Amino acid sequence: MAVPMNFVTFNQDHSCLAVGTHSGYRIYNCDPFGKVYENKEGDVSIIEMLFSTSLVALIFSPRRLVITNTKVRLDVSSVCNKKKHPLPASYSRGEEAGGACRLTWRAEPA
């Protein structure tokens, strides 16, 4: 069954294609064409890549921004509505204007 696309975009050098869907996102190489990465979690409204790096900005519905590193499968930073999204243990919260929060990943102590 085909999954409807929410957003499709190329990275800055047009070497990759990113697709956001109701059930996650996919990243494809353009030459040769093939799937590079897939995540089947979340309703992705907008996706943007930083050139050909593994850094990806995702806007999930409803209104949650996540910067993730697909190479190490790690969320680097997240901005969300603090009332609707619980805080994972590996994040710290900083208050932002308008009732939003900025979540920043912190390394666990060794």
PDB file of N, CA and C in Angstrom:
ATOM      1  N   MET A   1       0.833  -1.175   0.000  1.00  0.00           N
ATOM      2  CA  MET A   1       0.000   0.000   0.000  1.00  0.00           C
ATOM      3  C   MET A   1       0.883   1.247   0.000  1.00  0.00           C
ATOM      4  N   ALA A   2       0.544   2.206  -0.826  1.00  0.00           N
ATOM      5  CA  ALA A   2       1.312   3.443  -0.928  1.00  0.00           C
ATOM      6  C   ALA A   2       1.051   4.340   0.278  1.00  0.00           C
ATOM      7  N   VAL A   3       2.109   5.003   0.752  1.00  0.00           N
ATOM      8  CA  VAL A   3       1.999   5.932   1.882  1.00  0.00           C
ATOM      9  C   VAL A   3       1.943   7.346   1.314  1.00  0.00           C
ATOM     10  N   PRO A   4       0.902   8.146   1.665  1.00  0.00           N
ATOM     11  CA  PRO A   4       0.821   9.514   1.144  1.00  0.00           C
ATOM     12  C   PRO A   4       1.988  10.377   1.636  1.00  0.00           C
ATOM     13  N   MET A   5       2.515  11.214   0.748  1.00  0.00           N
ATOM     14  CA  MET A   5       3.643  12.080   1.080  1.00  0.00           C
ATOM     15  C   MET A   5       3.137  13.422   1.600  1.00  0.00           C
ATOM     16  N   ASN A   6       3.762  13.909   2.673  1.00  0.00           N
ATOM     17  CA  ASN A   6       3.473  15.239   3.207  1.00  0.00           C
ATOM     18  C   ASN A   6       4.398  16.287   2.611  1.00  0.00           C
ATOM     19  N   PHE A   7       5.658  15.886   2.347  1.00  0.00           N
ATOM     20  CA  PHE A   7       6.682  16.848   1.947  1.00  0.00           C
ATOM     21  C   PHE A   7       7.783  16.122   1.193  1.00  0.00           C
ATOM     22  N   VAL A   8       8.243  16.716   0.093  1.00  0.00           N
ATOM     23  CA  VAL A   8       9.346  16.170  -0.694  1.00  0.00           C
ATOM     24  C   VAL A   8      10.298  17.316  -1.014  1.00  0.00           C
ATOM     25  N   THR A   9      11.603  17.098  -0.798  1.00  0.00           N
ATOM     26  CA  THR A   9      12.576  18.157  -1.062  1.00  0.00           C
ATOM     27  C   THR A   9      13.945  17.563  -1.400  1.00  0.00           C
ATOM     28  N   PHE A  10      14.736  18.320  -2.132  1.00  0.00           N
ATOM     29  CA  PHE A  10      16.127  17.978  -2.383  1.00  0.00           C
ATOM     30  C   PHE A  10      16.992  18.709  -1.360  1.00  0.00           C
ATOM     31  N   ASN A  11      18.182  18.168  -1.087  1.00  0.00           N
ATOM     32  CA  ASN A  11      19.138  18.903  -0.259  1.00  0.00           C
ATOM     33  C   ASN A  11      19.764  20.011  -1.111  1.00  0.00           C
ATOM     34  N   GLN A  12      20.660  20.816  -0.532  1.00  0.00           N
ATOM     35  CA  GLN A  12      21.195  21.997  -1.207  1.00  0.00           C
ATOM     36  C   GLN A  12      21.979  21.676  -2.481  1.00  0.00           C
ATOM     37  N   ASP A  13      22.691  20.548  -2.525  1.00  0.00           N
ATOM     38  CA  ASP A  13      23.467  20.214  -3.727  1.00  0.00           C
ATOM     39  C   ASP A  13      22.740  19.208  -4.632  1.00  0.00           C
ATOM     40  N   HIS A  14      21.469  18.952  -4.343  1.00  0.00           N
ATOM     41  CA  HIS A  14      20.601  18.077  -5.140  1.00  0.00           C
ATOM     42  C   HIS A  14      21.126  16.652  -5.287  1.00  0.00           C
ATOM     43  N   SER A  15      21.908  16.200  -4.334  1.00  0.00           N
ATOM     44  CA  SER A  15      22.425  14.832  -4.375  1.00  0.00           C
ATOM     45  C   SER A  15      21.517  13.860  -3.622  1.00  0.00           C
ATOM     46  N   CYS A  16      20.611  14.391  -2.798  1.00  0.00           N
ATOM     47  CA  CYS A  16      19.696  13.550  -2.015  1.00  0.00           C
ATOM     48  C   CYS A  16      18.278  14.098  -2.078  1.00  0.00           C
ATOM     49  N   LEU A  17      17.328  13.207  -1.887  1.00  0.00           N
ATOM     50  CA  LEU A  17      15.913  13.538  -1.870  1.00  0.00           C
ATOM     51  C   LEU A  17      15.354  13.079  -0.527  1.00  0.00           C
ATOM     52  N   ALA A  18      14.626  13.951   0.153  1.00  0.00           N
ATOM     53  CA  ALA A  18      14.021  13.619   1.446  1.00  0.00           C
ATOM     54  C   ALA A  18      12.507  13.646   1.306  1.00  0.00           C
ATOM     55  N   VAL A  19      11.840  12.636   1.891  1.00  0.00           N
ATOM     56  CA  VAL A  19      10.387  12.500   1.793  1.00  0.00           C
ATOM     57  C   VAL A  19       9.816  12.348   3.189  1.00  0.00           C
ATOM     58  N   GLY A  20       8.886  13.232   3.565  1.00  0.00           N
ATOM     59  CA  GLY A  20       8.181  13.143   4.838  1.00  0.00           C
ATOM     60  C   GLY A  20       6.788  12.595   4.606  1.00  0.00           C
ATOM     61  N   THR A  21       6.355  11.648   5.443  1.00  0.00           N
ATOM     62  CA  THR A  21       5.039  11.026   5.305  1.00  0.00           C
ATOM     63  C   THR A  21       4.312  11.024   6.653  1.00  0.00           C
ATOM     64  N   HIS A  22       3.080  10.535   6.653  1.00  0.00           N
ATOM     65  CA  HIS A  22       2.318  10.391   7.899  1.00  0.00           C
ATOM     66  C   HIS A  22       2.919   9.319   8.796  1.00  0.00           C
ATOM     67  N   SER A  23       3.759   8.469   8.232  1.00  0.00           N
ATOM     68  CA  SER A  23       4.345   7.382   9.020  1.00  0.00           C
ATOM     69  C   SER A  23       5.866   7.398   8.959  1.00  0.00           C
ATOM     70  N   GLY A  24       6.485   8.576   9.121  1.00  0.00           N
ATOM     71  CA  GLY A  24       7.936   8.669   9.174  1.00  0.00           C
ATOM     72  C   GLY A  24       8.527   9.426   8.001  1.00  0.00           C
ATOM     73  N   TYR A  25       9.792   9.112   7.678  1.00  0.00           N
ATOM     74  CA  TYR A  25      10.473   9.787   6.580  1.00  0.00           C
ATOM     75  C   TYR A  25      11.506   8.862   5.956  1.00  0.00           C
ATOM     76  N   ARG A  26      11.880   9.204   4.730  1.00  0.00           N
ATOM     77  CA  ARG A  26      12.885   8.453   3.980  1.00  0.00           C
ATOM     78  C   ARG A  26      13.838   9.430   3.321  1.00  0.00           C
ATOM     79  N   ILE A  27      15.106   8.993   3.182  1.00  0.00           N
ATOM     80  CA  ILE A  27      16.113   9.776   2.477  1.00  0.00           C
ATOM     81  C   ILE A  27      16.675   8.893   1.372  1.00  0.00           C
ATOM     82  N   TYR A  28      16.728   9.454   0.161  1.00  0.00           N
ATOM     83  CA  TYR A  28      17.204   8.719  -1.004  1.00  0.00           C
ATOM     84  C   TYR A  28      18.419   9.410  -1.596  1.00  0.00           C
ATOM     85  N   ASN A  29      19.377   8.621  -2.108  1.00  0.00           N
ATOM     86  CA  ASN A  29      20.475   9.113  -2.929  1.00  0.00           C
ATOM     87  C   ASN A  29      19.937   9.304  -4.330  1.00  0.00           C
ATOM     88  N   CYS A  30      20.386  10.316  -5.047  1.00  0.00           N
ATOM     89  CA  CYS A  30      19.879  10.558  -6.403  1.00  0.00           C
ATOM     90  C   CYS A  30      20.683   9.851  -7.487  1.00  0.00           C
ATOM     91  N   ASP A  31      21.995   9.725  -7.292  1.00  0.00           N
ATOM     92  CA  ASP A  31      22.823   9.111  -8.337  1.00  0.00           C
ATOM     93  C   ASP A  31      23.884   8.222  -7.720  1.00  0.00           C
ATOM     94  N   PRO A  32      23.714   6.914  -7.741  1.00  0.00           N
ATOM     95  CA  PRO A  32      22.577   6.157  -8.269  1.00  0.00           C
ATOM     96  C   PRO A  32      21.401   6.243  -7.290  1.00  0.00           C
ATOM     97  N   PHE A  33      20.186   6.160  -7.828  1.00  0.00           N
ATOM     98  CA  PHE A  33      19.001   6.299  -6.990  1.00  0.00           C
ATOM     99  C   PHE A  33      18.854   5.091  -6.074  1.00  0.00           C
ATOM    100  N   GLY A  34      18.647   5.349  -4.786  1.00  0.00           N
ATOM    101  CA  GLY A  34      18.429   4.280  -3.823  1.00  0.00           C
ATOM    102  C   GLY A  34      18.162   4.850  -2.439  1.00  0.00           C
ATOM    103  N   LYS A  35      17.441   4.068  -1.637  1.00  0.00           N
ATOM    104  CA  LYS A  35      17.122   4.506  -0.280  1.00  0.00           C
ATOM    105  C   LYS A  35      18.370   4.439   0.590  1.00  0.00           C
ATOM    106  N   VAL A  36      18.641   5.541   1.313  1.00  0.00           N
ATOM    107  CA  VAL A  36      19.800   5.635   2.198  1.00  0.00           C
ATOM    108  C   VAL A  36      19.383   5.439   3.654  1.00  0.00           C
ATOM    109  N   TYR A  37      18.215   5.997   4.012  1.00  0.00           N
ATOM    110  CA  TYR A  37      17.789   5.962   5.403  1.00  0.00           C
ATOM    111  C   TYR A  37      16.267   5.976   5.455  1.00  0.00           C
ATOM    112  N   GLU A  38      15.720   5.282   6.466  1.00  0.00           N
ATOM    113  CA  GLU A  38      14.276   5.282   6.671  1.00  0.00           C
ATOM    114  C   GLU A  38      13.974   5.226   8.157  1.00  0.00           C
ATOM    115  N   ASN A  39      13.007   6.034   8.578  1.00  0.00           N
ATOM    116  CA  ASN A  39      12.512   6.015   9.946  1.00  0.00           C
ATOM    117  C   ASN A  39      10.995   5.969   9.852  1.00  0.00           C
ATOM    118  N   LYS A  40      10.388   4.994  10.488  1.00  0.00           N
ATOM    119  CA  LYS A  40       8.945   4.786  10.353  1.00  0.00           C
ATOM    120  C   LYS A  40       8.151   5.321  11.541  1.00  0.00           C
ATOM    121  N   GLU A  41       8.674   6.323  12.235  1.00  0.00           N
ATOM    122  CA  GLU A  41       7.993   6.873  13.400  1.00  0.00           C
ATOM    123  C   GLU A  41       7.642   8.340  13.186  1.00  0.00           C
ATOM    124  N   GLY A  42       6.425   8.710  13.531  1.00  0.00           N
ATOM    125  CA  GLY A  42       6.010  10.104  13.528  1.00  0.00           C
ATOM    126  C   GLY A  42       5.372  10.565  12.239  1.00  0.00           C
ATOM    127  N   ASP A  43       4.596  11.621  12.361  1.00  0.00           N
ATOM    128  CA  ASP A  43       3.922  12.272  11.243  1.00  0.00           C
ATOM    129  C   ASP A  43       4.779  13.471  10.849  1.00  0.00           C
ATOM    130  N   VAL A  44       5.624  13.321   9.819  1.00  0.00           N
ATOM    131  CA  VAL A  44       6.584  14.347   9.427  1.00  0.00           C
ATOM    132  C   VAL A  44       5.929  15.309   8.435  1.00  0.00           C
ATOM    133  N   SER A  45       5.787  16.573   8.846  1.00  0.00           N
ATOM    134  CA  SER A  45       5.188  17.595   7.987  1.00  0.00           C
ATOM    135  C   SER A  45       6.213  18.217   7.050  1.00  0.00           C
ATOM    136  N   ILE A  46       7.422  18.487   7.574  1.00  0.00           N
ATOM    137  CA  ILE A  46       8.496  19.103   6.781  1.00  0.00           C
ATOM    138  C   ILE A  46       9.807  18.423   7.144  1.00  0.00           C
ATOM    139  N   ILE A  47      10.652  18.201   6.148  1.00  0.00           N
ATOM    140  CA  ILE A  47      11.983  17.631   6.363  1.00  0.00           C
ATOM    141  C   ILE A  47      12.982  18.418   5.531  1.00  0.00           C
ATOM    142  N   GLU A  48      14.139  18.732   6.114  1.00  0.00           N
ATOM    143  CA  GLU A  48      15.219  19.422   5.413  1.00  0.00           C
ATOM    144  C   GLU A  48      16.542  18.794   5.806  1.00  0.00           C
ATOM    145  N   MET A  49      17.425  18.598   4.818  1.00  0.00           N
ATOM    146  CA  MET A  49      18.762  18.045   5.055  1.00  0.00           C
ATOM    147  C   MET A  49      19.797  19.159   4.964  1.00  0.00           C
ATOM    148  N   LEU A  50      20.915  18.990   5.657  1.00  0.00           N
ATOM    149  CA  LEU A  50      22.037  19.918   5.555  1.00  0.00           C
ATOM    150  C   LEU A  50      23.034  19.334   4.567  1.00  0.00           C
ATOM    151  N   PHE A  51      23.012  19.810   3.330  1.00  0.00           N
ATOM    152  CA  PHE A  51      23.856  19.321   2.244  1.00  0.00           C
ATOM    153  C   PHE A  51      23.822  17.791   2.219  1.00  0.00           C
ATOM    154  N   SER A  52      24.977  17.137   2.213  1.00  0.00           N
ATOM    155  CA  SER A  52      25.012  15.674   2.188  1.00  0.00           C
ATOM    156  C   SER A  52      25.410  15.094   3.541  1.00  0.00           C
ATOM    157  N   THR A  53      25.224  15.888   4.597  1.00  0.00           N
ATOM    158  CA  THR A  53      25.559  15.412   5.938  1.00  0.00           C
ATOM    159  C   THR A  53      24.428  14.553   6.481  1.00  0.00           C
ATOM    160  N   SER A  54      24.631  14.014   7.659  1.00  0.00           N
ATOM    161  CA  SER A  54      23.610  13.198   8.303  1.00  0.00           C
ATOM    162  C   SER A  54      22.690  14.031   9.201  1.00  0.00           C
ATOM    163  N   LEU A  55      22.823  15.362   9.185  1.00  0.00           N
ATOM    164  CA  LEU A  55      21.958  16.226   9.984  1.00  0.00           C
ATOM    165  C   LEU A  55      20.667  16.533   9.233  1.00  0.00           C
ATOM    166  N   VAL A  56      19.549  16.270   9.895  1.00  0.00           N
ATOM    167  CA  VAL A  56      18.236  16.442   9.284  1.00  0.00           C
ATOM    168  C   VAL A  56      17.348  17.212  10.257  1.00  0.00           C
ATOM    169  N   ALA A  57      16.640  18.228   9.745  1.00  0.00           N
ATOM    170  CA  ALA A  57      15.649  18.966  10.534  1.00  0.00           C
ATOM    171  C   ALA A  57      14.270  18.429  10.170  1.00  0.00           C
ATOM    172  N   LEU A  58      13.494  18.081  11.190  1.00  0.00           N
ATOM    173  CA  LEU A  58      12.160  17.511  10.991  1.00  0.00           C
ATOM    174  C   LEU A  58      11.134  18.343  11.742  1.00  0.00           C
ATOM    175  N   ILE A  59      10.019  18.625  11.104  1.00  0.00           N
ATOM    176  CA  ILE A  59       8.872  19.228  11.782  1.00  0.00           C
ATOM    177  C   ILE A  59       7.813  18.144  11.841  1.00  0.00           C
ATOM    178  N   PHE A  60       7.523  17.682  13.055  1.00  0.00           N
ATOM    179  CA  PHE A  60       6.492  16.674  13.256  1.00  0.00           C
ATOM    180  C   PHE A  60       5.164  17.370  13.522  1.00  0.00           C
ATOM    181  N   SER A  61       4.087  16.704  13.186  1.00  0.00           N
ATOM    182  CA  SER A  61       2.757  17.229  13.490  1.00  0.00           C
ATOM    183  C   SER A  61       2.332  16.649  14.823  1.00  0.00           C
ATOM    184  N   PRO A  62       1.909  17.415  15.776  1.00  0.00           N
ATOM    185  CA  PRO A  62       1.658  18.856  15.764  1.00  0.00           C
ATOM    186  C   PRO A  62       2.852  19.655  16.260  1.00  0.00           C
ATOM    187  N   ARG A  63       3.364  20.530  15.453  1.00  0.00           N
ATOM    188  CA  ARG A  63       4.377  21.543  15.750  1.00  0.00           C
ATOM    189  C   ARG A  63       5.486  21.130  16.713  1.00  0.00           C
ATOM    190  N   ARG A  64       6.328  20.229  16.280  1.00  0.00           N
ATOM    191  CA  ARG A  64       7.490  19.828  17.074  1.00  0.00           C
ATOM    192  C   ARG A  64       8.690  19.754  16.151  1.00  0.00           C
ATOM    193  N   LEU A  65       9.716  20.555  16.415  1.00  0.00           N
ATOM    194  CA  LEU A  65      10.939  20.587  15.616  1.00  0.00           C
ATOM    195  C   LEU A  65      11.973  19.682  16.263  1.00  0.00           C
ATOM    196  N   VAL A  66      12.583  18.818  15.462  1.00  0.00           N
ATOM    197  CA  VAL A  66      13.645  17.928  15.939  1.00  0.00           C
ATOM    198  C   VAL A  66      14.799  17.989  14.948  1.00  0.00           C
ATOM    199  N   ILE A  67      16.013  18.203  15.453  1.00  0.00           N
ATOM    200  CA  ILE A  67      17.225  18.099  14.646  1.00  0.00           C
ATOM    201  C   ILE A  67      17.835  16.752  14.999  1.00  0.00           C
ATOM    202  N   THR A  68      18.025  15.910  13.995  1.00  0.00           N
ATOM    203  CA  THR A  68      18.512  14.562  14.270  1.00  0.00           C
ATOM    204  C   THR A  68      19.740  14.246  13.425  1.00  0.00           C
ATOM    205  N   ASN A  69      20.587  13.371  13.937  1.00  0.00           N
ATOM    206  CA  ASN A  69      21.744  12.866  13.223  1.00  0.00           C
ATOM    207  C   ASN A  69      21.411  11.441  12.815  1.00  0.00           C
ATOM    208  N   THR A  70      21.164  11.218  11.533  1.00  0.00           N
ATOM    209  CA  THR A  70      20.742   9.891  11.066  1.00  0.00           C
ATOM    210  C   THR A  70      21.873   8.871  11.102  1.00  0.00           C
ATOM    211  N   LYS A  71      23.116   9.335  11.070  1.00  0.00           N
ATOM    212  CA  LYS A  71      24.252   8.405  11.085  1.00  0.00           C
ATOM    213  C   LYS A  71      24.353   7.668  12.418  1.00  0.00           C
ATOM    214  N   VAL A  72      24.163   8.390  13.516  1.00  0.00           N
ATOM    215  CA  VAL A  72      24.244   7.773  14.840  1.00  0.00           C
ATOM    216  C   VAL A  72      22.866   7.577  15.464  1.00  0.00           C
ATOM    217  N   ARG A  73      21.807   7.892  14.702  1.00  0.00           N
ATOM    218  CA  ARG A  73      20.415   7.734  15.142  1.00  0.00           C
ATOM    219  C   ARG A  73      20.173   8.407  16.492  1.00  0.00           C
ATOM    220  N   LEU A  74      20.447   9.721  16.506  1.00  0.00           N
ATOM    221  CA  LEU A  74      20.380  10.490  17.743  1.00  0.00           C
ATOM    222  C   LEU A  74      19.721  11.834  17.485  1.00  0.00           C
ATOM    223  N   ASP A  75      18.750  12.206  18.313  1.00  0.00           N
ATOM    224  CA  ASP A  75      18.161  13.535  18.245  1.00  0.00           C
ATOM    225  C   ASP A  75      19.118  14.511  18.904  1.00  0.00           C
ATOM    226  N   VAL A  76      19.564  15.515  18.165  1.00  0.00           N
ATOM    227  CA  VAL A  76      20.516  16.496  18.661  1.00  0.00           C
ATOM    228  C   VAL A  76      19.809  17.576  19.467  1.00  0.00           C
ATOM    229  N   SER A  77      18.643  18.031  18.975  1.00  0.00           N
ATOM    230  CA  SER A  77      17.897  19.089  19.637  1.00  0.00           C
ATOM    231  C   SER A  77      16.437  18.980  19.256  1.00  0.00           C
ATOM    232  N   SER A  78      15.571  19.496  20.131  1.00  0.00           N
ATOM    233  CA  SER A  78      14.137  19.447  19.867  1.00  0.00           C
ATOM    234  C   SER A  78      13.473  20.675  20.468  1.00  0.00           C
ATOM    235  N   VAL A  79      12.509  21.239  19.754  1.00  0.00           N
ATOM    236  CA  VAL A  79      11.714  22.356  20.253  1.00  0.00           C
ATOM    237  C   VAL A  79      10.260  21.946  20.136  1.00  0.00           C
ATOM    238  N   CYS A  80       9.507  22.097  21.242  1.00  0.00           N
ATOM    239  CA  CYS A  80       8.133  21.611  21.247  1.00  0.00           C
ATOM    240  C   CYS A  80       7.284  22.429  22.215  1.00  0.00           C
ATOM    241  N   ASN A  81       6.005  22.117  22.229  1.00  0.00           N
ATOM    242  CA  ASN A  81       5.087  22.680  23.214  1.00  0.00           C
ATOM    243  C   ASN A  81       5.257  21.864  24.486  1.00  0.00           C
ATOM    244  N   LYS A  82       5.720  22.484  25.571  1.00  0.00           N
ATOM    245  CA  LYS A  82       6.084  21.742  26.785  1.00  0.00           C
ATOM    246  C   LYS A  82       4.896  21.064  27.456  1.00  0.00           C
ATOM    247  N   LYS A  83       3.681  21.515  27.204  1.00  0.00           N
ATOM    248  CA  LYS A  83       2.517  20.905  27.838  1.00  0.00           C
ATOM    249  C   LYS A  83       2.104  19.605  27.160  1.00  0.00           C
ATOM    250  N   LYS A  84       2.461  19.434  25.884  1.00  0.00           N
ATOM    251  CA  LYS A  84       1.986  18.282  25.127  1.00  0.00           C
ATOM    252  C   LYS A  84       3.013  17.170  24.983  1.00  0.00           C
ATOM    253  N   HIS A  85       4.293  17.470  25.210  1.00  0.00           N
ATOM    254  CA  HIS A  85       5.333  16.473  24.970  1.00  0.00           C
ATOM    255  C   HIS A  85       6.141  16.218  26.242  1.00  0.00           C
ATOM    256  N   PRO A  86       6.101  15.009  26.783  1.00  0.00           N
ATOM    257  CA  PRO A  86       6.907  14.706  27.969  1.00  0.00           C
ATOM    258  C   PRO A  86       8.395  14.757  27.644  1.00  0.00           C
ATOM    259  N   LEU A  87       9.192  15.022  28.642  1.00  0.00           N
ATOM    260  CA  LEU A  87      10.623  15.192  28.468  1.00  0.00           C
ATOM    261  C   LEU A  87      11.356  13.873  28.703  1.00  0.00           C
ATOM    262  N   PRO A  88      12.084  13.348  27.675  1.00  0.00           N
ATOM    263  CA  PRO A  88      12.881  12.146  27.886  1.00  0.00           C
ATOM    264  C   PRO A  88      13.996  12.410  28.890  1.00  0.00           C
ATOM    265  N   ALA A  89      14.472  11.362  29.547  1.00  0.00           N
ATOM    266  CA  ALA A  89      15.480  11.493  30.600  1.00  0.00           C
ATOM    267  C   ALA A  89      16.801  12.061  30.092  1.00  0.00           C
ATOM    268  N   SER A  90      17.142  11.863  28.812  1.00  0.00           N
ATOM    269  CA  SER A  90      18.432  12.306  28.298  1.00  0.00           C
ATOM    270  C   SER A  90      18.392  13.732  27.753  1.00  0.00           C
ATOM    271  N   TYR A  91      17.324  14.499  28.050  1.00  0.00           N
ATOM    272  CA  TYR A  91      17.203  15.864  27.577  1.00  0.00           C
ATOM    273  C   TYR A  91      17.130  16.831  28.755  1.00  0.00           C
ATOM    274  N   SER A  92      17.564  18.062  28.537  1.00  0.00           N
ATOM    275  CA  SER A  92      17.379  19.120  29.527  1.00  0.00           C
ATOM    276  C   SER A  92      16.466  20.169  28.913  1.00  0.00           C
ATOM    277  N   ARG A  93      15.694  20.845  29.731  1.00  0.00           N
ATOM    278  CA  ARG A  93      14.708  21.802  29.227  1.00  0.00           C
ATOM    279  C   ARG A  93      15.142  23.223  29.538  1.00  0.00           C
ATOM    280  N   GLY A  94      15.031  24.097  28.521  1.00  0.00           N
ATOM    281  CA  GLY A  94      15.250  25.525  28.681  1.00  0.00           C
ATOM    282  C   GLY A  94      13.995  26.247  28.244  1.00  0.00           C
ATOM    283  N   GLU A  95      13.537  27.187  29.023  1.00  0.00           N
ATOM    284  CA  GLU A  95      12.285  27.885  28.707  1.00  0.00           C
ATOM    285  C   GLU A  95      12.468  28.835  27.530  1.00  0.00           C
ATOM    286  N   GLU A  96      11.470  28.917  26.684  1.00  0.00           N
ATOM    287  CA  GLU A  96      11.433  29.819  25.540  1.00  0.00           C
ATOM    288  C   GLU A  96      10.185  30.687  25.661  1.00  0.00           C
ATOM    289  N   ALA A  97      10.139  31.767  24.938  1.00  0.00           N
ATOM    290  CA  ALA A  97       8.972  32.658  24.943  1.00  0.00           C
ATOM    291  C   ALA A  97       7.772  31.951  24.333  1.00  0.00           C
ATOM    292  N   GLY A  98       6.576  32.307  24.769  1.00  0.00           N
ATOM    293  CA  GLY A  98       5.354  31.772  24.184  1.00  0.00           C
ATOM    294  C   GLY A  98       4.983  30.389  24.675  1.00  0.00           C
ATOM    295  N   GLY A  99       5.535  29.936  25.800  1.00  0.00           N
ATOM    296  CA  GLY A  99       5.157  28.647  26.360  1.00  0.00           C
ATOM    297  C   GLY A  99       5.831  27.462  25.700  1.00  0.00           C
ATOM    298  N   ALA A 100       6.792  27.705  24.817  1.00  0.00           N
ATOM    299  CA  ALA A 100       7.508  26.606  24.169  1.00  0.00           C
ATOM    300  C   ALA A 100       8.717  26.224  25.007  1.00  0.00           C
ATOM    301  N   CYS A 101       9.313  25.116  24.686  1.00  0.00           N
ATOM    302  CA  CYS A 101      10.530  24.707  25.383  1.00  0.00           C
ATOM    303  C   CYS A 101      11.579  24.334  24.359  1.00  0.00           C
ATOM    304  N   ARG A 102      12.825  24.475  24.735  1.00  0.00           N
ATOM    305  CA  ARG A 102      13.929  24.038  23.893  1.00  0.00           C
ATOM    306  C   ARG A 102      14.577  22.867  24.609  1.00  0.00           C
ATOM    307  N   LEU A 103      14.593  21.729  23.922  1.00  0.00           N
ATOM    308  CA  LEU A 103      15.186  20.533  24.509  1.00  0.00           C
ATOM    309  C   LEU A 103      16.541  20.304  23.879  1.00  0.00           C
ATOM    310  N   THR A 104      17.529  20.065  24.695  1.00  0.00           N
ATOM    311  CA  THR A 104      18.875  19.824  24.203  1.00  0.00           C
ATOM    312  C   THR A 104      19.382  18.510  24.761  1.00  0.00           C
ATOM    313  N   TRP A 105      19.920  17.685  23.881  1.00  0.00           N
ATOM    314  CA  TRP A 105      20.439  16.376  24.302  1.00  0.00           C
ATOM    315  C   TRP A 105      21.675  16.579  25.139  1.00  0.00           C
ATOM    316  N   ARG A 106      21.800  15.789  26.187  1.00  0.00           N
ATOM    317  CA  ARG A 106      23.008  15.822  27.003  1.00  0.00           C
ATOM    318  C   ARG A 106      23.527  14.395  27.136  1.00  0.00           C
ATOM    319  N   ALA A 107      24.822  14.259  27.084  1.00  0.00           N
ATOM    320  CA  ALA A 107      25.443  12.941  27.196  1.00  0.00           C
ATOM    321  C   ALA A 107      25.282  12.425  28.618  1.00  0.00           C
ATOM    322  N   GLU A 108      25.027  11.141  28.725  1.00  0.00           N
ATOM    323  CA  GLU A 108      24.927  10.523  30.044  1.00  0.00           C
ATOM    324  C   GLU A 108      26.313  10.444  30.659  1.00  0.00           C
ATOM    325  N   PRO A 109      26.451  10.656  31.959  1.00  0.00           N
ATOM    326  CA  PRO A 109      27.755  10.566  32.605  1.00  0.00           C
ATOM    327  C   PRO A 109      28.319   9.150  32.496  1.00  0.00           C
ATOM    328  N   ALA A 110      29.613   9.065  32.317  1.00  0.00           N
ATOM    329  CA  ALA A 110      30.279   7.761  32.138  1.00  0.00           C
ATOM    330  C   ALA A 110      30.433   7.034  33.444  1.00  0.00           C
TER     331      ALA A 110
END
